[in-house]
């Protein structure tokens, strides 16, 4: 198969993937709730490139730890990518 023909076959697939959101990156977020007051707080970040994930993940985690020190607890299912890789 010639390179031009291969490009013509792959280009529509790439465009369809890009249009459907395949290129979108996930948000980093942790949701916490204070059990006595029912106040909900969110620690969130959005990365622009994959290389930002470790830095932003640690920033979100630091935010969550500060809130936990003030009595907040994490909402079930709320996590950062670094926590998921540790499981």
PDB file of N, CA and C in Angstrom:
ATOM      1  N   UNK A   1       0.857  -1.174   0.000  1.00  0.00           N
ATOM      2  CA  UNK A   1       0.000   0.000   0.000  1.00  0.00           C
ATOM      3  C   UNK A   1       0.900   1.233   0.000  1.00  0.00           C
ATOM      4  N   UNK A   2       0.603   2.163  -0.857  1.00  0.00           N
ATOM      5  CA  UNK A   2       1.433   3.363  -0.972  1.00  0.00           C
ATOM      6  C   UNK A   2       1.202   4.279   0.232  1.00  0.00           C
ATOM      7  N   UNK A   3       2.202   5.089   0.586  1.00  0.00           N
ATOM      8  CA  UNK A   3       2.063   6.002   1.714  1.00  0.00           C
ATOM      9  C   UNK A   3       0.898   6.984   1.544  1.00  0.00           C
ATOM     10  N   UNK A   4       0.648   7.422   0.311  1.00  0.00           N
ATOM     11  CA  UNK A   4      -0.445   8.360   0.070  1.00  0.00           C
ATOM     12  C   UNK A   4      -1.792   7.697   0.339  1.00  0.00           C
ATOM     13  N   UNK A   5      -1.936   6.476  -0.116  1.00  0.00           N
ATOM     14  CA  UNK A   5      -3.189   5.744   0.102  1.00  0.00           C
ATOM     15  C   UNK A   5      -3.395   5.470   1.599  1.00  0.00           C
ATOM     16  N   UNK A   6      -2.314   5.106   2.289  1.00  0.00           N
ATOM     17  CA  UNK A   6      -2.400   4.847   3.728  1.00  0.00           C
ATOM     18  C   UNK A   6      -2.823   6.121   4.461  1.00  0.00           C
ATOM     19  N   UNK A   7      -2.268   7.253   4.071  1.00  0.00           N
ATOM     20  CA  UNK A   7      -2.625   8.534   4.683  1.00  0.00           C
ATOM     21  C   UNK A   7      -4.096   8.856   4.446  1.00  0.00           C
ATOM     22  N   UNK A   8      -4.574   8.594   3.233  1.00  0.00           N
ATOM     23  CA  UNK A   8      -5.975   8.859   2.915  1.00  0.00           C
ATOM     24  C   UNK A   8      -6.916   7.965   3.727  1.00  0.00           C
ATOM     25  N   UNK A   9      -6.475   6.787   4.113  1.00  0.00           N
ATOM     26  CA  UNK A   9      -7.291   5.901   4.931  1.00  0.00           C
ATOM     27  C   UNK A   9      -7.246   6.297   6.408  1.00  0.00           C
ATOM     28  N   UNK A  10      -6.087   6.724   6.875  1.00  0.00           N
ATOM     29  CA  UNK A  10      -5.927   7.050   8.289  1.00  0.00           C
ATOM     30  C   UNK A  10      -6.445   8.436   8.656  1.00  0.00           C
ATOM     31  N   UNK A  11      -6.392   9.360   7.746  1.00  0.00           N
ATOM     32  CA  UNK A  11      -6.816  10.729   8.037  1.00  0.00           C
ATOM     33  C   UNK A  11      -8.275  10.811   8.491  1.00  0.00           C
ATOM     34  N   UNK A  12      -9.221  10.182   7.800  1.00  0.00           N
ATOM     35  CA  UNK A  12     -10.615  10.241   8.285  1.00  0.00           C
ATOM     36  C   UNK A  12     -10.789   9.591   9.667  1.00  0.00           C
ATOM     37  N   UNK A  13     -10.050   8.520   9.944  1.00  0.00           N
ATOM     38  CA  UNK A  13     -10.133   7.888  11.258  1.00  0.00           C
ATOM     39  C   UNK A  13      -9.616   8.825  12.346  1.00  0.00           C
ATOM     40  N   UNK A  14      -8.510   9.483  12.071  1.00  0.00           N
ATOM     41  CA  UNK A  14      -7.951  10.432  13.031  1.00  0.00           C
ATOM     42  C   UNK A  14      -8.923  11.589  13.281  1.00  0.00           C
ATOM     43  N   UNK A  15      -9.484  12.133  12.220  1.00  0.00           N
ATOM     44  CA  UNK A  15     -10.423  13.248  12.361  1.00  0.00           C
ATOM     45  C   UNK A  15     -11.676  12.838  13.135  1.00  0.00           C
ATOM     46  N   UNK A  16     -12.163  11.637  12.889  1.00  0.00           N
ATOM     47  CA  UNK A  16     -13.345  11.154  13.620  1.00  0.00           C
ATOM     48  C   UNK A  16     -13.036  10.990  15.099  1.00  0.00           C
ATOM     49  N   UNK A  17     -11.871  10.469  15.405  1.00  0.00           N
ATOM     50  CA  UNK A  17     -11.458  10.309  16.798  1.00  0.00           C
ATOM     51  C   UNK A  17     -11.313  11.669  17.471  1.00  0.00           C
ATOM     52  N   UNK A  18     -10.685  12.601  16.806  1.00  0.00           N
ATOM     53  CA  UNK A  18     -10.487  13.941  17.365  1.00  0.00           C
ATOM     54  C   UNK A  18     -11.832  14.644  17.594  1.00  0.00           C
ATOM     55  N   UNK A  19     -12.733  14.516  16.644  1.00  0.00           N
ATOM     56  CA  UNK A  19     -14.041  15.174  16.756  1.00  0.00           C
ATOM     57  C   UNK A  19     -14.879  14.568  17.877  1.00  0.00           C
ATOM     58  N   UNK A  20     -14.682  13.285  18.170  1.00  0.00           N
ATOM     59  CA  UNK A  20     -15.489  12.637  19.208  1.00  0.00           C
ATOM     60  C   UNK A  20     -14.901  12.823  20.599  1.00  0.00           C
ATOM     61  N   UNK A  21     -13.763  13.495  20.685  1.00  0.00           N
ATOM     62  CA  UNK A  21     -13.208  13.783  21.998  1.00  0.00           C
ATOM     63  C   UNK A  21     -12.087  12.870  22.426  1.00  0.00           C
ATOM     64  N   UNK A  22     -11.562  12.075  21.541  1.00  0.00           N
ATOM     65  CA  UNK A  22     -10.455  11.195  21.906  1.00  0.00           C
ATOM     66  C   UNK A  22      -9.234  11.987  22.353  1.00  0.00           C
ATOM     67  N   UNK A  23      -9.081  13.178  21.850  1.00  0.00           N
ATOM     68  CA  UNK A  23      -7.916  13.982  22.202  1.00  0.00           C
ATOM     69  C   UNK A  23      -8.095  14.709  23.530  1.00  0.00           C
ATOM     70  N   UNK A  24      -9.298  14.693  24.073  1.00  0.00           N
ATOM     71  CA  UNK A  24      -9.552  15.392  25.337  1.00  0.00           C
ATOM     72  C   UNK A  24      -8.861  14.664  26.483  1.00  0.00           C
ATOM     73  N   UNK A  25      -8.375  15.430  27.442  1.00  0.00           N
ATOM     74  CA  UNK A  25      -7.723  14.852  28.599  1.00  0.00           C
ATOM     75  C   UNK A  25      -8.662  14.924  29.793  1.00  0.00           C
ATOM     76  N   UNK A  26      -8.557  13.968  30.696  1.00  0.00           N
ATOM     77  CA  UNK A  26      -9.463  13.948  31.833  1.00  0.00           C
ATOM     78  C   UNK A  26      -9.136  15.046  32.837  1.00  0.00           C
ATOM     79  N   UNK A  27     -10.135  15.437  33.606  1.00  0.00           N
ATOM     80  CA  UNK A  27      -9.918  16.395  34.677  1.00  0.00           C
ATOM     81  C   UNK A  27      -9.349  15.674  35.883  1.00  0.00           C
ATOM     82  N   UNK A  28      -8.577  16.376  36.641  1.00  0.00           N
ATOM     83  CA  UNK A  28      -8.096  15.884  37.918  1.00  0.00           C
ATOM     84  C   UNK A  28      -8.998  16.498  38.964  1.00  0.00           C
ATOM     85  N   UNK A  29      -9.643  15.696  39.764  1.00  0.00           N
ATOM     86  CA  UNK A  29     -10.495  16.290  40.782  1.00  0.00           C
ATOM     87  C   UNK A  29     -10.677  15.372  41.973  1.00  0.00           C
ATOM     88  N   UNK A  30     -10.833  16.002  43.114  1.00  0.00           N
ATOM     89  CA  UNK A  30     -11.159  15.318  44.353  1.00  0.00           C
ATOM     90  C   UNK A  30     -12.287  16.116  44.983  1.00  0.00           C
ATOM     91  N   UNK A  31     -13.360  15.436  45.331  1.00  0.00           N
ATOM     92  CA  UNK A  31     -14.480  16.092  45.998  1.00  0.00           C
ATOM     93  C   UNK A  31     -14.471  15.656  47.455  1.00  0.00           C
ATOM     94  N   UNK A  32     -14.626  16.626  48.346  1.00  0.00           N
ATOM     95  CA  UNK A  32     -14.627  16.360  49.771  1.00  0.00           C
ATOM     96  C   UNK A  32     -15.860  16.975  50.412  1.00  0.00           C
ATOM     97  N   UNK A  33     -16.300  16.381  51.502  1.00  0.00           N
ATOM     98  CA  UNK A  33     -17.464  16.886  52.225  1.00  0.00           C
ATOM     99  C   UNK A  33     -17.122  16.945  53.711  1.00  0.00           C
ATOM    100  N   UNK A  34     -17.629  17.967  54.376  1.00  0.00           N
ATOM    101  CA  UNK A  34     -17.446  18.075  55.829  1.00  0.00           C
ATOM    102  C   UNK A  34     -18.648  17.402  56.476  1.00  0.00           C
ATOM    103  N   UNK A  35     -18.443  16.349  57.255  1.00  0.00           N
ATOM    104  CA  UNK A  35     -19.563  15.575  57.783  1.00  0.00           C
ATOM    105  C   UNK A  35     -20.483  16.343  58.736  1.00  0.00           C
ATOM    106  N   UNK A  36     -19.967  17.334  59.424  1.00  0.00           N
ATOM    107  CA  UNK A  36     -20.796  18.075  60.383  1.00  0.00           C
ATOM    108  C   UNK A  36     -21.612  19.179  59.715  1.00  0.00           C
ATOM    109  N   UNK A  37     -21.043  19.835  58.725  1.00  0.00           N
ATOM    110  CA  UNK A  37     -21.715  20.972  58.092  1.00  0.00           C
ATOM    111  C   UNK A  37     -22.294  20.645  56.718  1.00  0.00           C
ATOM    112  N   UNK A  38     -21.922  19.491  56.161  1.00  0.00           N
ATOM    113  CA  UNK A  38     -22.321  19.065  54.811  1.00  0.00           C
ATOM    114  C   UNK A  38     -21.836  20.020  53.723  1.00  0.00           C
ATOM    115  N   UNK A  39     -20.803  20.795  54.024  1.00  0.00           N
ATOM    116  CA  UNK A  39     -20.194  21.664  53.017  1.00  0.00           C
ATOM    117  C   UNK A  39     -19.365  20.792  52.075  1.00  0.00           C
ATOM    118  N   UNK A  40     -19.531  21.005  50.780  1.00  0.00           N
ATOM    119  CA  UNK A  40     -18.782  20.251  49.763  1.00  0.00           C
ATOM    120  C   UNK A  40     -17.734  21.166  49.156  1.00  0.00           C
ATOM    121  N   UNK A  41     -16.511  20.680  49.069  1.00  0.00           N
ATOM    122  CA  UNK A  41     -15.411  21.412  48.444  1.00  0.00           C
ATOM    123  C   UNK A  41     -14.805  20.535  47.354  1.00  0.00           C
ATOM    124  N   UNK A  42     -14.331  21.165  46.304  1.00  0.00           N
ATOM    125  CA  UNK A  42     -13.690  20.452  45.200  1.00  0.00           C
ATOM    126  C   UNK A  42     -12.276  20.962  45.006  1.00  0.00           C
ATOM    127  N   UNK A  43     -11.359  20.041  44.845  1.00  0.00           N
ATOM    128  CA  UNK A  43      -9.993  20.369  44.432  1.00  0.00           C
ATOM    129  C   UNK A  43      -9.878  19.862  42.999  1.00  0.00           C
ATOM    130  N   UNK A  44      -9.699  20.768  42.052  1.00  0.00           N
ATOM    131  CA  UNK A  44      -9.678  20.357  40.648  1.00  0.00           C
ATOM    132  C   UNK A  44      -8.559  21.045  39.882  1.00  0.00           C
ATOM    133  N   UNK A  45      -8.171  20.411  38.786  1.00  0.00           N
ATOM    134  CA  UNK A  45      -7.200  20.982  37.850  1.00  0.00           C
ATOM    135  C   UNK A  45      -7.487  20.385  36.486  1.00  0.00           C
ATOM    136  N   UNK A  46      -7.084  21.088  35.450  1.00  0.00           N
ATOM    137  CA  UNK A  46      -7.240  20.582  34.089  1.00  0.00           C
ATOM    138  C   UNK A  46      -5.904  20.750  33.379  1.00  0.00           C
ATOM    139  N   UNK A  47      -5.397  19.658  32.847  1.00  0.00           N
ATOM    140  CA  UNK A  47      -4.099  19.706  32.192  1.00  0.00           C
ATOM    141  C   UNK A  47      -4.232  20.024  30.708  1.00  0.00           C
ATOM    142  N   UNK A  48      -3.195  20.645  30.182  1.00  0.00           N
ATOM    143  CA  UNK A  48      -3.192  20.930  28.751  1.00  0.00           C
ATOM    144  C   UNK A  48      -2.354  19.908  28.004  1.00  0.00           C
ATOM    145  N   UNK A  49      -1.400  19.299  28.686  1.00  0.00           N
ATOM    146  CA  UNK A  49      -0.583  18.253  28.075  1.00  0.00           C
ATOM    147  C   UNK A  49      -0.386  17.131  29.078  1.00  0.00           C
ATOM    148  N   UNK A  50      -0.049  15.957  28.567  1.00  0.00           N
ATOM    149  CA  UNK A  50       0.142  14.793  29.436  1.00  0.00           C
ATOM    150  C   UNK A  50       1.286  14.994  30.425  1.00  0.00           C
ATOM    151  N   UNK A  51       2.272  15.792  30.049  1.00  0.00           N
ATOM    152  CA  UNK A  51       3.406  15.989  30.959  1.00  0.00           C
ATOM    153  C   UNK A  51       3.027  16.818  32.185  1.00  0.00           C
ATOM    154  N   UNK A  52       1.885  17.520  32.140  1.00  0.00           N
ATOM    155  CA  UNK A  52       1.424  18.307  33.289  1.00  0.00           C
ATOM    156  C   UNK A  52       0.757  17.448  34.357  1.00  0.00           C
ATOM    157  N   UNK A  53       0.343  16.242  34.033  1.00  0.00           N
ATOM    158  CA  UNK A  53      -0.451  15.424  34.947  1.00  0.00           C
ATOM    159  C   UNK A  53       0.224  15.210  36.297  1.00  0.00           C
ATOM    160  N   UNK A  54       1.490  14.801  36.369  1.00  0.00           N
ATOM    161  CA  UNK A  54       2.090  14.579  37.695  1.00  0.00           C
ATOM    162  C   UNK A  54       2.120  15.840  38.567  1.00  0.00           C
ATOM    163  N   UNK A  55       2.450  16.971  37.991  1.00  0.00           N
ATOM    164  CA  UNK A  55       2.497  18.217  38.748  1.00  0.00           C
ATOM    165  C   UNK A  55       1.108  18.613  39.238  1.00  0.00           C
ATOM    166  N   UNK A  56       0.133  18.581  38.358  1.00  0.00           N
ATOM    167  CA  UNK A  56      -1.224  18.961  38.734  1.00  0.00           C
ATOM    168  C   UNK A  56      -1.845  17.960  39.693  1.00  0.00           C
ATOM    169  N   UNK A  57      -1.523  16.696  39.524  1.00  0.00           N
ATOM    170  CA  UNK A  57      -2.037  15.673  40.424  1.00  0.00           C
ATOM    171  C   UNK A  57      -1.538  15.906  41.840  1.00  0.00           C
ATOM    172  N   UNK A  58      -0.273  16.256  41.984  1.00  0.00           N
ATOM    173  CA  UNK A  58       0.251  16.519  43.329  1.00  0.00           C
ATOM    174  C   UNK A  58      -0.341  17.803  43.907  1.00  0.00           C
ATOM    175  N   UNK A  59      -0.645  18.784  43.080  1.00  0.00           N
ATOM    176  CA  UNK A  59      -1.281  20.012  43.568  1.00  0.00           C
ATOM    177  C   UNK A  59      -2.703  19.733  44.056  1.00  0.00           C
ATOM    178  N   UNK A  60      -3.446  18.928  43.315  1.00  0.00           N
ATOM    179  CA  UNK A  60      -4.804  18.562  43.728  1.00  0.00           C
ATOM    180  C   UNK A  60      -4.747  17.748  45.019  1.00  0.00           C
ATOM    181  N   UNK A  61      -3.784  16.852  45.094  1.00  0.00           N
ATOM    182  CA  UNK A  61      -3.632  16.031  46.297  1.00  0.00           C
ATOM    183  C   UNK A  61      -3.275  16.894  47.504  1.00  0.00           C
ATOM    184  N   UNK A  62      -2.423  17.888  47.329  1.00  0.00           N
ATOM    185  CA  UNK A  62      -2.071  18.798  48.427  1.00  0.00           C
ATOM    186  C   UNK A  62      -3.294  19.585  48.886  1.00  0.00           C
ATOM    187  N   UNK A  63      -4.113  20.025  47.951  1.00  0.00           N
ATOM    188  CA  UNK A  63      -5.366  20.721  48.276  1.00  0.00           C
ATOM    189  C   UNK A  63      -6.260  19.811  49.109  1.00  0.00           C
ATOM    190  N   UNK A  64      -6.411  18.560  48.691  1.00  0.00           N
ATOM    191  CA  UNK A  64      -7.265  17.616  49.404  1.00  0.00           C
ATOM    192  C   UNK A  64      -6.743  17.342  50.814  1.00  0.00           C
ATOM    193  N   UNK A  65      -5.437  17.208  50.946  1.00  0.00           N
ATOM    194  CA  UNK A  65      -4.856  16.966  52.279  1.00  0.00           C
ATOM    195  C   UNK A  65      -5.102  18.144  53.218  1.00  0.00           C
ATOM    196  N   UNK A  66      -5.033  19.361  52.700  1.00  0.00           N
ATOM    197  CA  UNK A  66      -5.304  20.540  53.532  1.00  0.00           C
ATOM    198  C   UNK A  66      -6.754  20.533  54.021  1.00  0.00           C
ATOM    199  N   UNK A  67      -7.674  20.176  53.142  1.00  0.00           N
ATOM    200  CA  UNK A  67      -9.072  20.115  53.547  1.00  0.00           C
ATOM    201  C   UNK A  67      -9.320  18.973  54.528  1.00  0.00           C
ATOM    202  N   UNK A  68      -8.649  17.847  54.314  1.00  0.00           N
ATOM    203  CA  UNK A  68      -8.784  16.722  55.247  1.00  0.00           C
ATOM    204  C   UNK A  68      -8.290  17.100  56.642  1.00  0.00           C
ATOM    205  N   UNK A  69      -7.265  17.929  56.710  1.00  0.00           N
ATOM    206  CA  UNK A  69      -6.754  18.400  58.000  1.00  0.00           C
ATOM    207  C   UNK A  69      -7.787  19.268  58.715  1.00  0.00           C
ATOM    208  N   UNK A  70      -8.726  19.818  57.968  1.00  0.00           N
ATOM    209  CA  UNK A  70      -9.790  20.659  58.543  1.00  0.00           C
ATOM    210  C   UNK A  70     -11.090  19.885  58.766  1.00  0.00           C
ATOM    211  N   UNK A  71     -11.023  18.551  58.657  1.00  0.00           N
ATOM    212  CA  UNK A  71     -12.181  17.726  58.962  1.00  0.00           C
ATOM    213  C   UNK A  71     -12.976  17.221  57.774  1.00  0.00           C
ATOM    214  N   UNK A  72     -12.603  17.581  56.562  1.00  0.00           N
ATOM    215  CA  UNK A  72     -13.312  17.106  55.377  1.00  0.00           C
ATOM    216  C   UNK A  72     -12.919  15.659  55.094  1.00  0.00           C
ATOM    217  N   UNK A  73     -13.836  14.920  54.480  1.00  0.00           N
ATOM    218  CA  UNK A  73     -13.531  13.557  54.051  1.00  0.00           C
ATOM    219  C   UNK A  73     -13.831  13.446  52.557  1.00  0.00           C
ATOM    220  N   UNK A  74     -13.095  12.563  51.901  1.00  0.00           N
ATOM    221  CA  UNK A  74     -13.261  12.388  50.451  1.00  0.00           C
ATOM    222  C   UNK A  74     -14.575  11.694  50.132  1.00  0.00           C
ATOM    223  N   UNK A  75     -15.196  12.146  49.070  1.00  0.00           N
ATOM    224  CA  UNK A  75     -16.409  11.506  48.574  1.00  0.00           C
ATOM    225  C   UNK A  75     -15.979  10.249  47.834  1.00  0.00           C
ATOM    226  N   UNK A  76     -16.682   9.161  48.043  1.00  0.00           N
ATOM    227  CA  UNK A  76     -16.356   7.887  47.392  1.00  0.00           C
ATOM    228  C   UNK A  76     -16.308   8.060  45.880  1.00  0.00           C
ATOM    229  N   UNK A  77     -15.289   7.483  45.241  1.00  0.00           N
ATOM    230  CA  UNK A  77     -15.160   7.581  43.798  1.00  0.00           C
ATOM    231  C   UNK A  77     -14.404   8.823  43.336  1.00  0.00           C
ATOM    232  N   UNK A  78     -14.018   9.669  44.269  1.00  0.00           N
ATOM    233  CA  UNK A  78     -13.268  10.873  43.938  1.00  0.00           C
ATOM    234  C   UNK A  78     -11.785  10.547  44.051  1.00  0.00           C
ATOM    235  N   UNK A  79     -11.027  10.766  42.980  1.00  0.00           N
ATOM    236  CA  UNK A  79      -9.613  10.390  42.987  1.00  0.00           C
ATOM    237  C   UNK A  79      -8.827  11.179  41.958  1.00  0.00           C
ATOM    238  N   UNK A  80      -7.523  11.108  42.116  1.00  0.00           N
ATOM    239  CA  UNK A  80      -6.610  11.674  41.133  1.00  0.00           C
ATOM    240  C   UNK A  80      -5.940  10.512  40.399  1.00  0.00           C
ATOM    241  N   UNK A  81      -5.418  10.724  39.195  1.00  0.00           N
ATOM    242  CA  UNK A  81      -4.774   9.633  38.462  1.00  0.00           C
ATOM    243  C   UNK A  81      -3.646   8.957  39.222  1.00  0.00           C
ATOM    244  N   UNK A  82      -2.895   9.691  40.053  1.00  0.00           N
ATOM    245  CA  UNK A  82      -1.805   9.075  40.790  1.00  0.00           C
ATOM    246  C   UNK A  82      -2.323   8.077  41.807  1.00  0.00           C
ATOM    247  N   UNK A  83      -3.505   8.316  42.394  1.00  0.00           N
ATOM    248  CA  UNK A  83      -4.092   7.376  43.324  1.00  0.00           C
ATOM    249  C   UNK A  83      -4.503   6.108  42.600  1.00  0.00           C
ATOM    250  N   UNK A  84      -5.015   6.257  41.392  1.00  0.00           N
ATOM    251  CA  UNK A  84      -5.465   5.107  40.636  1.00  0.00           C
ATOM    252  C   UNK A  84      -4.288   4.212  40.269  1.00  0.00           C
ATOM    253  N   UNK A  85      -3.146   4.785  39.966  1.00  0.00           N
ATOM    254  CA  UNK A  85      -1.977   3.977  39.615  1.00  0.00           C
ATOM    255  C   UNK A  85      -1.401   3.265  40.824  1.00  0.00           C
ATOM    256  N   UNK A  86      -1.687   3.749  42.038  1.00  0.00           N
ATOM    257  CA  UNK A  86      -1.199   3.104  43.256  1.00  0.00           C
ATOM    258  C   UNK A  86      -2.066   1.927  43.679  1.00  0.00           C
ATOM    259  N   UNK A  87      -3.218   1.754  43.064  1.00  0.00           N
ATOM    260  CA  UNK A  87      -4.132   0.671  43.461  1.00  0.00           C
ATOM    261  C   UNK A  87      -3.701  -0.651  42.883  1.00  0.00           C
TER     262      UNK A  87
END
